[in-house]
Amino acid sequence: MKKFKYLLFSVFFLSVFFSCGRIEQLPPEPYIDFTSFTVFDTIDILGNDCKGGRLKFYFEDGDGDLGLDPPENDNDTDTTNLFFTAYRKTGGIMVEVTSDDVLYPSDYRIPYMERLGQNKLLKGTIAVSFLYLFYDVSDNDTLIYDFFIKDRAGNISNTESTTEISLSHNDIYQE
């Protein structure tokens, strides 16, 4: 019986000892990595045919303060935290699109995220959908998006770029 108690205590001690691993540490600045961009045909909310795109990227945030609460009023200054710059291929050269271009990207809001517990580290994949409502398929446009995120503390991530994306061909574009 005494041996059984020692054996039980040893097993309990070893299981507690090995279950307590180190907490992974990452810098407080977010990190992102482009995964893919998918171009597809879709229908808008009014029933019109249009092109769609879906950007997927991996993210890490060491202090877990990614995402924003919905704005309480129209005067809230921090309403977006995912920022884009688009480049259109013109004459074989990528040129930044202007704000009056139909392909000019909007900035987006990543919703509030919080991890409970001791380890605040956040990791995951974010997918953002685009609708190209006034896009003419005959334009044969090729785009590249540069993008970055900002956490609630104001830390800015690295800037990532998509591969060249042809809006005239439904496909999955990966690095």
N, C-alpha and C. Protein backbone atom coordinates (compact mmCIF):
# COMPACT_ATOMS: atom_id res chain seq x y z
N MET A 1 0.84 -1.19 0.00
CA MET A 1 0.00 0.00 0.00
C MET A 1 0.88 1.25 0.00
N LYS A 2 2.00 1.21 0.76
CA LYS A 2 2.89 2.35 0.84
C LYS A 2 3.53 2.62 -0.52
N LYS A 3 3.91 1.53 -1.22
CA LYS A 3 4.50 1.68 -2.55
C LYS A 3 3.49 2.30 -3.52
N PHE A 4 2.24 1.93 -3.37
CA PHE A 4 1.20 2.47 -4.24
C PHE A 4 1.06 3.98 -4.03
N LYS A 5 1.13 4.43 -2.76
CA LYS A 5 1.02 5.86 -2.47
C LYS A 5 2.20 6.62 -3.07
N TYR A 6 3.41 6.06 -2.95
CA TYR A 6 4.59 6.71 -3.53
C TYR A 6 4.48 6.75 -5.05
N LEU A 7 4.01 5.69 -5.63
CA LEU A 7 3.86 5.63 -7.07
C LEU A 7 2.82 6.65 -7.54
N LEU A 8 1.69 6.72 -6.85
CA LEU A 8 0.65 7.67 -7.18
C LEU A 8 1.15 9.10 -7.03
N PHE A 9 1.87 9.38 -5.93
CA PHE A 9 2.43 10.72 -5.71
C PHE A 9 3.44 11.06 -6.81
N SER A 10 4.28 10.12 -7.19
CA SER A 10 5.29 10.35 -8.24
C SER A 10 4.63 10.65 -9.58
N VAL A 11 3.62 9.88 -9.92
CA VAL A 11 2.92 10.11 -11.18
C VAL A 11 2.25 11.48 -11.16
N PHE A 12 1.61 11.84 -10.07
CA PHE A 12 0.97 13.14 -9.95
C PHE A 12 2.00 14.26 -10.07
N PHE A 13 3.11 14.16 -9.37
CA PHE A 13 4.16 15.17 -9.40
C PHE A 13 4.73 15.32 -10.81
N LEU A 14 5.02 14.22 -11.46
CA LEU A 14 5.57 14.28 -12.82
C LEU A 14 4.58 14.88 -13.81
N SER A 15 3.31 14.55 -13.67
CA SER A 15 2.32 15.10 -14.60
C SER A 15 2.16 16.61 -14.39
N VAL A 16 2.20 17.07 -13.15
CA VAL A 16 2.13 18.51 -12.88
C VAL A 16 3.39 19.19 -13.40
N PHE A 17 4.53 18.61 -13.17
CA PHE A 17 5.81 19.19 -13.58
C PHE A 17 5.87 19.34 -15.10
N PHE A 18 5.47 18.32 -15.85
CA PHE A 18 5.58 18.38 -17.30
C PHE A 18 4.43 19.14 -17.96
N SER A 19 3.35 19.36 -17.27
CA SER A 19 2.24 20.11 -17.85
C SER A 19 2.46 21.61 -17.75
N CYS A 20 3.36 22.05 -16.92
CA CYS A 20 3.65 23.47 -16.77
C CYS A 20 4.79 23.85 -17.70
N GLY A 21 4.45 24.18 -18.94
CA GLY A 21 5.46 24.57 -19.91
C GLY A 21 5.72 26.07 -19.85
N ARG A 22 6.77 26.47 -20.53
CA ARG A 22 7.09 27.89 -20.59
C ARG A 22 6.04 28.61 -21.43
N ILE A 23 5.73 29.82 -21.06
CA ILE A 23 4.83 30.65 -21.83
C ILE A 23 5.63 31.22 -23.00
N GLU A 24 5.10 31.06 -24.19
CA GLU A 24 5.78 31.56 -25.38
C GLU A 24 5.79 33.09 -25.35
N GLN A 25 6.91 33.67 -25.67
CA GLN A 25 7.08 35.12 -25.65
C GLN A 25 7.30 35.63 -27.07
N LEU A 26 6.59 36.66 -27.45
CA LEU A 26 6.77 37.34 -28.73
C LEU A 26 6.80 38.84 -28.47
N PRO A 27 7.38 39.62 -29.39
CA PRO A 27 7.39 41.07 -29.20
C PRO A 27 5.97 41.65 -29.22
N PRO A 28 5.77 42.84 -28.65
CA PRO A 28 4.43 43.43 -28.61
C PRO A 28 3.96 43.91 -29.99
N GLU A 29 4.89 44.10 -30.94
CA GLU A 29 4.49 44.54 -32.28
C GLU A 29 3.87 43.35 -33.02
N PRO A 30 2.75 43.58 -33.68
CA PRO A 30 2.15 42.49 -34.44
C PRO A 30 3.04 42.08 -35.61
N TYR A 31 2.88 40.84 -36.03
CA TYR A 31 3.59 40.30 -37.18
C TYR A 31 2.55 39.71 -38.12
N ILE A 32 2.68 39.95 -39.43
CA ILE A 32 1.76 39.37 -40.40
C ILE A 32 2.54 38.68 -41.51
N ASP A 33 1.87 37.72 -42.17
CA ASP A 33 2.47 36.98 -43.27
C ASP A 33 1.38 36.65 -44.29
N PHE A 34 1.55 37.12 -45.53
CA PHE A 34 0.58 36.87 -46.60
C PHE A 34 0.45 35.37 -46.84
N THR A 35 -0.80 34.90 -46.94
CA THR A 35 -1.08 33.50 -47.21
C THR A 35 -1.60 33.30 -48.63
N SER A 36 -2.73 33.98 -48.96
CA SER A 36 -3.30 33.81 -50.30
C SER A 36 -4.28 34.93 -50.61
N PHE A 37 -4.59 35.05 -51.90
CA PHE A 37 -5.64 35.94 -52.37
C PHE A 37 -6.43 35.16 -53.41
N THR A 38 -7.75 35.06 -53.21
CA THR A 38 -8.61 34.30 -54.11
C THR A 38 -9.51 35.27 -54.86
N VAL A 39 -9.58 35.14 -56.18
CA VAL A 39 -10.47 35.93 -57.02
C VAL A 39 -11.61 35.02 -57.46
N PHE A 40 -12.85 35.54 -57.35
CA PHE A 40 -14.03 34.74 -57.68
C PHE A 40 -15.15 35.62 -58.19
N ASP A 41 -16.11 35.01 -58.88
CA ASP A 41 -17.33 35.70 -59.32
C ASP A 41 -18.34 35.61 -58.18
N THR A 42 -19.11 36.69 -58.00
CA THR A 42 -20.10 36.70 -56.93
C THR A 42 -21.25 37.63 -57.33
N ILE A 43 -22.19 37.80 -56.44
CA ILE A 43 -23.34 38.67 -56.65
C ILE A 43 -23.42 39.60 -55.45
N ASP A 44 -23.61 40.91 -55.71
CA ASP A 44 -23.72 41.87 -54.61
C ASP A 44 -25.11 41.80 -53.98
N ILE A 45 -25.36 42.61 -52.96
CA ILE A 45 -26.63 42.53 -52.22
C ILE A 45 -27.83 42.98 -53.06
N LEU A 46 -27.58 43.65 -54.19
CA LEU A 46 -28.67 44.06 -55.07
C LEU A 46 -28.90 43.07 -56.21
N GLY A 47 -28.13 41.97 -56.22
CA GLY A 47 -28.30 40.95 -57.24
C GLY A 47 -27.48 41.17 -58.49
N ASN A 48 -26.54 42.12 -58.45
CA ASN A 48 -25.68 42.39 -59.61
C ASN A 48 -24.46 41.48 -59.60
N ASP A 49 -24.07 41.02 -60.79
CA ASP A 49 -22.84 40.24 -60.91
C ASP A 49 -21.65 41.15 -60.65
N CYS A 50 -20.68 40.63 -59.93
CA CYS A 50 -19.45 41.40 -59.67
C CYS A 50 -18.32 40.44 -59.35
N LYS A 51 -17.14 40.99 -59.28
CA LYS A 51 -15.95 40.22 -58.90
C LYS A 51 -15.75 40.36 -57.40
N GLY A 52 -15.19 39.32 -56.81
CA GLY A 52 -14.86 39.35 -55.40
C GLY A 52 -13.44 38.89 -55.19
N GLY A 53 -12.88 39.26 -54.09
CA GLY A 53 -11.54 38.82 -53.72
C GLY A 53 -11.50 38.53 -52.24
N ARG A 54 -10.67 37.57 -51.84
CA ARG A 54 -10.53 37.25 -50.42
C ARG A 54 -9.05 37.14 -50.09
N LEU A 55 -8.59 38.05 -49.25
CA LEU A 55 -7.21 38.05 -48.78
C LEU A 55 -7.15 37.26 -47.49
N LYS A 56 -6.19 36.35 -47.39
CA LYS A 56 -5.94 35.62 -46.14
C LYS A 56 -4.50 35.88 -45.72
N PHE A 57 -4.34 36.16 -44.42
CA PHE A 57 -2.99 36.32 -43.89
C PHE A 57 -2.92 35.83 -42.46
N TYR A 58 -1.73 35.39 -42.09
CA TYR A 58 -1.44 34.89 -40.75
C TYR A 58 -1.00 36.08 -39.90
N PHE A 59 -1.35 36.06 -38.60
CA PHE A 59 -0.93 37.14 -37.71
C PHE A 59 -0.47 36.57 -36.37
N GLU A 60 0.39 37.32 -35.70
CA GLU A 60 0.80 37.07 -34.32
C GLU A 60 0.85 38.41 -33.61
N ASP A 61 0.43 38.44 -32.36
CA ASP A 61 0.54 39.64 -31.54
C ASP A 61 0.95 39.21 -30.14
N GLY A 62 2.14 39.63 -29.73
CA GLY A 62 2.72 39.17 -28.48
C GLY A 62 2.00 39.61 -27.23
N ASP A 63 1.40 40.81 -27.24
CA ASP A 63 0.71 41.27 -26.04
C ASP A 63 -0.81 41.16 -26.17
N GLY A 64 -1.30 40.58 -27.25
CA GLY A 64 -2.72 40.24 -27.37
C GLY A 64 -3.68 41.40 -27.40
N ASP A 65 -3.25 42.55 -27.91
CA ASP A 65 -4.15 43.70 -27.95
C ASP A 65 -4.51 44.08 -29.39
N LEU A 66 -4.97 43.10 -30.12
CA LEU A 66 -5.35 43.32 -31.51
C LEU A 66 -6.85 43.51 -31.62
N GLY A 67 -7.27 44.34 -32.53
CA GLY A 67 -8.69 44.57 -32.78
C GLY A 67 -9.21 45.79 -32.05
N LEU A 68 -10.30 46.33 -32.57
CA LEU A 68 -10.92 47.53 -32.01
C LEU A 68 -12.37 47.26 -31.64
N ASP A 69 -12.83 47.93 -30.59
CA ASP A 69 -14.25 47.91 -30.26
C ASP A 69 -15.00 48.69 -31.34
N PRO A 70 -16.27 48.38 -31.56
CA PRO A 70 -17.05 49.20 -32.50
C PRO A 70 -17.07 50.66 -32.02
N PRO A 71 -17.06 51.62 -32.96
CA PRO A 71 -17.07 53.03 -32.54
C PRO A 71 -18.36 53.37 -31.81
N GLU A 72 -18.21 54.15 -30.74
CA GLU A 72 -19.39 54.54 -29.96
C GLU A 72 -20.12 55.70 -30.62
N ASN A 73 -19.37 56.54 -31.34
CA ASN A 73 -20.00 57.66 -32.05
C ASN A 73 -19.17 57.98 -33.30
N ASP A 74 -19.64 58.93 -34.09
CA ASP A 74 -18.96 59.28 -35.34
C ASP A 74 -17.65 60.00 -35.13
N ASN A 75 -17.37 60.46 -33.91
CA ASN A 75 -16.15 61.22 -33.64
C ASN A 75 -14.97 60.34 -33.25
N ASP A 76 -15.18 59.03 -33.13
CA ASP A 76 -14.08 58.14 -32.78
C ASP A 76 -13.02 58.18 -33.88
N THR A 77 -11.77 58.42 -33.47
CA THR A 77 -10.70 58.56 -34.46
C THR A 77 -10.14 57.21 -34.90
N ASP A 78 -10.03 56.26 -34.01
CA ASP A 78 -9.50 54.94 -34.38
C ASP A 78 -10.65 54.05 -34.83
N THR A 79 -10.91 54.05 -36.13
CA THR A 79 -11.99 53.23 -36.64
C THR A 79 -11.47 52.11 -37.53
N THR A 80 -10.21 52.17 -37.92
CA THR A 80 -9.64 51.11 -38.74
C THR A 80 -8.29 50.70 -38.18
N ASN A 81 -7.91 49.45 -38.45
CA ASN A 81 -6.60 48.97 -37.98
C ASN A 81 -5.95 48.00 -38.95
N LEU A 82 -6.52 47.89 -40.15
CA LEU A 82 -5.94 47.11 -41.24
C LEU A 82 -5.90 48.04 -42.44
N PHE A 83 -4.69 48.35 -42.92
CA PHE A 83 -4.49 49.40 -43.91
C PHE A 83 -3.93 48.82 -45.21
N PHE A 84 -4.44 49.33 -46.33
CA PHE A 84 -4.06 48.83 -47.65
C PHE A 84 -3.54 49.95 -48.55
N THR A 85 -2.63 49.56 -49.41
CA THR A 85 -2.22 50.36 -50.56
C THR A 85 -2.30 49.42 -51.75
N ALA A 86 -2.94 49.87 -52.84
CA ALA A 86 -3.08 49.03 -54.03
C ALA A 86 -2.23 49.60 -55.15
N TYR A 87 -1.68 48.70 -55.92
CA TYR A 87 -0.88 49.06 -57.09
C TYR A 87 -1.47 48.34 -58.30
N ARG A 88 -1.68 49.08 -59.40
CA ARG A 88 -2.22 48.54 -60.64
C ARG A 88 -1.10 48.52 -61.67
N LYS A 89 -1.03 47.42 -62.42
CA LYS A 89 0.00 47.31 -63.46
C LYS A 89 -0.41 48.17 -64.65
N THR A 90 0.42 49.15 -64.96
CA THR A 90 0.18 50.06 -66.07
C THR A 90 1.44 50.11 -66.92
N GLY A 91 1.34 49.66 -68.16
CA GLY A 91 2.52 49.64 -69.03
C GLY A 91 3.63 48.77 -68.48
N GLY A 92 3.27 47.68 -67.79
CA GLY A 92 4.26 46.76 -67.25
C GLY A 92 4.87 47.18 -65.93
N ILE A 93 4.43 48.34 -65.38
CA ILE A 93 4.97 48.87 -64.12
C ILE A 93 3.84 48.98 -63.10
N MET A 94 4.11 48.61 -61.86
CA MET A 94 3.11 48.75 -60.80
C MET A 94 3.07 50.21 -60.34
N VAL A 95 1.88 50.81 -60.43
CA VAL A 95 1.67 52.21 -60.07
C VAL A 95 0.59 52.26 -58.99
N GLU A 96 0.83 53.04 -57.93
CA GLU A 96 -0.15 53.16 -56.86
C GLU A 96 -1.45 53.75 -57.39
N VAL A 97 -2.59 53.14 -57.02
CA VAL A 97 -3.88 53.65 -57.48
C VAL A 97 -4.22 54.91 -56.70
N THR A 98 -4.95 55.80 -57.35
CA THR A 98 -5.36 57.06 -56.72
C THR A 98 -6.72 56.86 -56.07
N SER A 99 -7.11 57.80 -55.24
CA SER A 99 -8.35 57.66 -54.47
C SER A 99 -9.60 57.67 -55.35
N ASP A 100 -9.51 58.14 -56.60
CA ASP A 100 -10.68 58.14 -57.48
C ASP A 100 -10.75 56.88 -58.35
N ASP A 101 -9.82 55.95 -58.17
CA ASP A 101 -9.79 54.70 -58.92
C ASP A 101 -10.81 53.73 -58.33
N VAL A 102 -11.55 52.99 -59.18
CA VAL A 102 -12.55 52.03 -58.68
C VAL A 102 -11.91 50.90 -57.88
N LEU A 103 -10.60 50.68 -58.05
CA LEU A 103 -9.90 49.63 -57.32
C LEU A 103 -9.20 50.14 -56.06
N TYR A 104 -9.43 51.42 -55.73
CA TYR A 104 -8.83 51.99 -54.51
C TYR A 104 -9.39 51.24 -53.30
N PRO A 105 -8.50 50.71 -52.44
CA PRO A 105 -8.98 49.88 -51.33
C PRO A 105 -9.42 50.70 -50.12
N SER A 106 -10.42 50.19 -49.44
CA SER A 106 -10.83 50.76 -48.16
C SER A 106 -9.97 50.14 -47.07
N ASP A 107 -9.78 50.87 -45.98
CA ASP A 107 -9.15 50.27 -44.81
C ASP A 107 -10.23 49.51 -44.04
N TYR A 108 -9.83 48.57 -43.22
CA TYR A 108 -10.77 47.69 -42.54
C TYR A 108 -10.57 47.73 -41.03
N ARG A 109 -11.56 47.21 -40.34
CA ARG A 109 -11.53 47.09 -38.88
C ARG A 109 -11.43 45.62 -38.51
N ILE A 110 -10.37 45.27 -37.79
CA ILE A 110 -10.27 43.94 -37.22
C ILE A 110 -11.03 44.00 -35.89
N PRO A 111 -11.99 43.11 -35.67
CA PRO A 111 -12.76 43.18 -34.44
C PRO A 111 -11.91 42.93 -33.19
N TYR A 112 -12.42 43.38 -32.08
CA TYR A 112 -11.74 43.27 -30.79
C TYR A 112 -11.45 41.80 -30.47
N MET A 113 -10.20 41.55 -30.09
CA MET A 113 -9.79 40.21 -29.66
C MET A 113 -9.09 40.33 -28.32
N GLU A 114 -9.35 39.39 -27.46
CA GLU A 114 -8.65 39.36 -26.18
C GLU A 114 -8.53 37.91 -25.75
N ARG A 115 -7.37 37.57 -25.30
CA ARG A 115 -7.14 36.22 -24.80
C ARG A 115 -7.09 36.27 -23.29
N LEU A 116 -7.87 35.44 -22.66
CA LEU A 116 -7.91 35.39 -21.20
C LEU A 116 -6.81 34.47 -20.69
N GLY A 117 -6.39 34.69 -19.48
CA GLY A 117 -5.38 33.84 -18.88
C GLY A 117 -4.03 34.53 -18.84
N GLN A 118 -3.02 33.75 -18.50
CA GLN A 118 -1.68 34.27 -18.32
C GLN A 118 -1.00 34.58 -19.64
N ASN A 119 -1.20 33.74 -20.63
CA ASN A 119 -0.55 33.91 -21.92
C ASN A 119 -1.45 34.77 -22.81
N LYS A 120 -1.05 36.00 -23.09
CA LYS A 120 -1.85 36.93 -23.89
C LYS A 120 -1.59 36.82 -25.38
N LEU A 121 -0.67 35.99 -25.78
CA LEU A 121 -0.27 35.84 -27.17
C LEU A 121 -1.46 35.47 -28.06
N LEU A 122 -1.60 36.20 -29.18
CA LEU A 122 -2.64 35.89 -30.16
C LEU A 122 -1.98 35.45 -31.46
N LYS A 123 -2.49 34.36 -32.04
CA LYS A 123 -2.04 33.87 -33.34
C LYS A 123 -3.28 33.42 -34.10
N GLY A 124 -3.24 33.57 -35.42
CA GLY A 124 -4.37 33.08 -36.20
C GLY A 124 -4.31 33.52 -37.63
N THR A 125 -5.41 33.33 -38.32
CA THR A 125 -5.54 33.72 -39.72
C THR A 125 -6.72 34.66 -39.85
N ILE A 126 -6.54 35.72 -40.60
CA ILE A 126 -7.60 36.69 -40.86
C ILE A 126 -7.92 36.63 -42.35
N ALA A 127 -9.20 36.64 -42.67
CA ALA A 127 -9.66 36.68 -44.07
C ALA A 127 -10.47 37.96 -44.27
N VAL A 128 -10.14 38.70 -45.32
CA VAL A 128 -10.82 39.95 -45.64
C VAL A 128 -11.39 39.82 -47.05
N SER A 129 -12.67 40.15 -47.21
CA SER A 129 -13.31 40.05 -48.52
C SER A 129 -13.43 41.42 -49.16
N PHE A 130 -13.20 41.46 -50.47
CA PHE A 130 -13.33 42.66 -51.28
C PHE A 130 -14.42 42.42 -52.32
N LEU A 131 -15.20 43.46 -52.64
CA LEU A 131 -16.13 43.41 -53.76
C LEU A 131 -15.70 44.49 -54.75
N TYR A 132 -15.55 44.09 -56.00
CA TYR A 132 -15.19 45.02 -57.06
C TYR A 132 -16.46 45.31 -57.85
N LEU A 133 -17.26 46.27 -57.34
CA LEU A 133 -18.59 46.52 -57.88
C LEU A 133 -18.57 47.15 -59.27
N PHE A 134 -17.65 48.04 -59.52
CA PHE A 134 -17.64 48.76 -60.79
C PHE A 134 -16.49 48.32 -61.67
N TYR A 135 -16.03 47.13 -61.46
CA TYR A 135 -14.89 46.61 -62.20
C TYR A 135 -15.37 46.01 -63.52
N ASP A 136 -14.70 46.36 -64.61
CA ASP A 136 -15.00 45.81 -65.93
C ASP A 136 -13.99 44.71 -66.22
N VAL A 137 -14.47 43.49 -66.39
CA VAL A 137 -13.60 42.33 -66.58
C VAL A 137 -12.69 42.51 -67.80
N SER A 138 -13.12 43.27 -68.75
CA SER A 138 -12.31 43.46 -69.95
C SER A 138 -11.06 44.30 -69.67
N ASP A 139 -11.00 44.92 -68.51
CA ASP A 139 -9.84 45.75 -68.17
C ASP A 139 -8.56 44.92 -68.01
N ASN A 140 -8.71 43.61 -67.70
CA ASN A 140 -7.56 42.73 -67.51
C ASN A 140 -6.55 43.33 -66.52
N ASP A 141 -7.06 43.80 -65.39
CA ASP A 141 -6.21 44.45 -64.39
C ASP A 141 -5.39 43.46 -63.60
N THR A 142 -4.16 43.84 -63.32
CA THR A 142 -3.28 43.11 -62.43
C THR A 142 -2.95 44.03 -61.27
N LEU A 143 -3.13 43.52 -60.05
CA LEU A 143 -2.96 44.32 -58.83
C LEU A 143 -1.94 43.68 -57.91
N ILE A 144 -1.42 44.50 -57.02
CA ILE A 144 -0.69 44.05 -55.84
C ILE A 144 -1.20 44.90 -54.68
N TYR A 145 -1.46 44.28 -53.56
CA TYR A 145 -1.82 45.00 -52.34
C TYR A 145 -0.65 44.94 -51.37
N ASP A 146 -0.31 46.08 -50.78
CA ASP A 146 0.54 46.14 -49.61
C ASP A 146 -0.40 46.36 -48.43
N PHE A 147 -0.12 45.72 -47.30
CA PHE A 147 -1.01 45.88 -46.15
C PHE A 147 -0.24 45.71 -44.85
N PHE A 148 -0.77 46.33 -43.79
CA PHE A 148 -0.21 46.20 -42.45
C PHE A 148 -1.33 46.39 -41.44
N ILE A 149 -1.08 45.99 -40.19
CA ILE A 149 -2.07 46.15 -39.12
C ILE A 149 -1.48 46.97 -37.99
N LYS A 150 -2.38 47.51 -37.17
CA LYS A 150 -1.99 48.29 -35.99
C LYS A 150 -2.78 47.77 -34.81
N ASP A 151 -2.10 47.53 -33.66
CA ASP A 151 -2.82 47.05 -32.48
C ASP A 151 -3.32 48.23 -31.64
N ARG A 152 -4.01 47.93 -30.55
CA ARG A 152 -4.61 48.99 -29.72
C ARG A 152 -3.57 49.89 -29.07
N ALA A 153 -2.36 49.38 -28.86
CA ALA A 153 -1.30 50.20 -28.27
C ALA A 153 -0.62 51.10 -29.31
N GLY A 154 -1.02 50.96 -30.57
CA GLY A 154 -0.42 51.77 -31.63
C GLY A 154 0.78 51.11 -32.28
N ASN A 155 1.12 49.88 -31.89
CA ASN A 155 2.23 49.16 -32.51
C ASN A 155 1.84 48.76 -33.93
N ILE A 156 2.72 49.01 -34.87
CA ILE A 156 2.46 48.73 -36.27
C ILE A 156 3.25 47.49 -36.69
N SER A 157 2.59 46.63 -37.44
CA SER A 157 3.22 45.39 -37.91
C SER A 157 4.16 45.68 -39.07
N ASN A 158 4.81 44.62 -39.51
CA ASN A 158 5.54 44.67 -40.77
C ASN A 158 4.54 44.88 -41.90
N THR A 159 5.02 45.32 -43.06
CA THR A 159 4.17 45.46 -44.24
C THR A 159 4.38 44.25 -45.13
N GLU A 160 3.28 43.63 -45.52
CA GLU A 160 3.32 42.47 -46.41
C GLU A 160 2.74 42.86 -47.76
N SER A 161 3.10 42.11 -48.79
CA SER A 161 2.58 42.33 -50.14
C SER A 161 2.00 41.03 -50.67
N THR A 162 0.93 41.16 -51.44
CA THR A 162 0.39 40.00 -52.13
C THR A 162 1.26 39.72 -53.35
N THR A 163 1.04 38.60 -53.96
CA THR A 163 1.63 38.35 -55.27
C THR A 163 0.82 39.15 -56.28
N GLU A 164 1.22 39.15 -57.54
CA GLU A 164 0.43 39.80 -58.58
C GLU A 164 -0.89 39.06 -58.72
N ILE A 165 -1.98 39.82 -58.74
CA ILE A 165 -3.33 39.27 -58.80
C ILE A 165 -3.98 39.74 -60.09
N SER A 166 -4.48 38.81 -60.89
CA SER A 166 -5.20 39.16 -62.11
C SER A 166 -6.69 39.05 -61.81
N LEU A 167 -7.39 40.19 -61.83
CA LEU A 167 -8.82 40.19 -61.52
C LEU A 167 -9.65 39.55 -62.63
N SER A 168 -9.09 39.40 -63.81
CA SER A 168 -9.86 38.83 -64.92
C SER A 168 -9.87 37.29 -64.87
N HIS A 169 -9.06 36.68 -64.00
CA HIS A 169 -9.01 35.22 -63.91
C HIS A 169 -9.34 34.78 -62.48
N ASN A 170 -10.39 33.97 -62.35
CA ASN A 170 -10.70 33.40 -61.04
C ASN A 170 -9.61 32.39 -60.69
N ASP A 171 -8.97 32.61 -59.56
CA ASP A 171 -7.85 31.74 -59.19
C ASP A 171 -7.48 32.02 -57.74
N ILE A 172 -6.60 31.18 -57.19
CA ILE A 172 -6.02 31.39 -55.88
C ILE A 172 -4.56 31.77 -56.09
N TYR A 173 -4.20 32.94 -55.62
CA TYR A 173 -2.84 33.45 -55.78
C TYR A 173 -2.12 33.32 -54.45
N GLN A 174 -1.03 32.57 -54.46
CA GLN A 174 -0.25 32.34 -53.25
C GLN A 174 1.19 32.70 -53.50
N GLU A 175 1.91 32.87 -52.41
CA GLU A 175 3.33 33.19 -52.50
C GLU A 175 4.11 32.02 -52.97
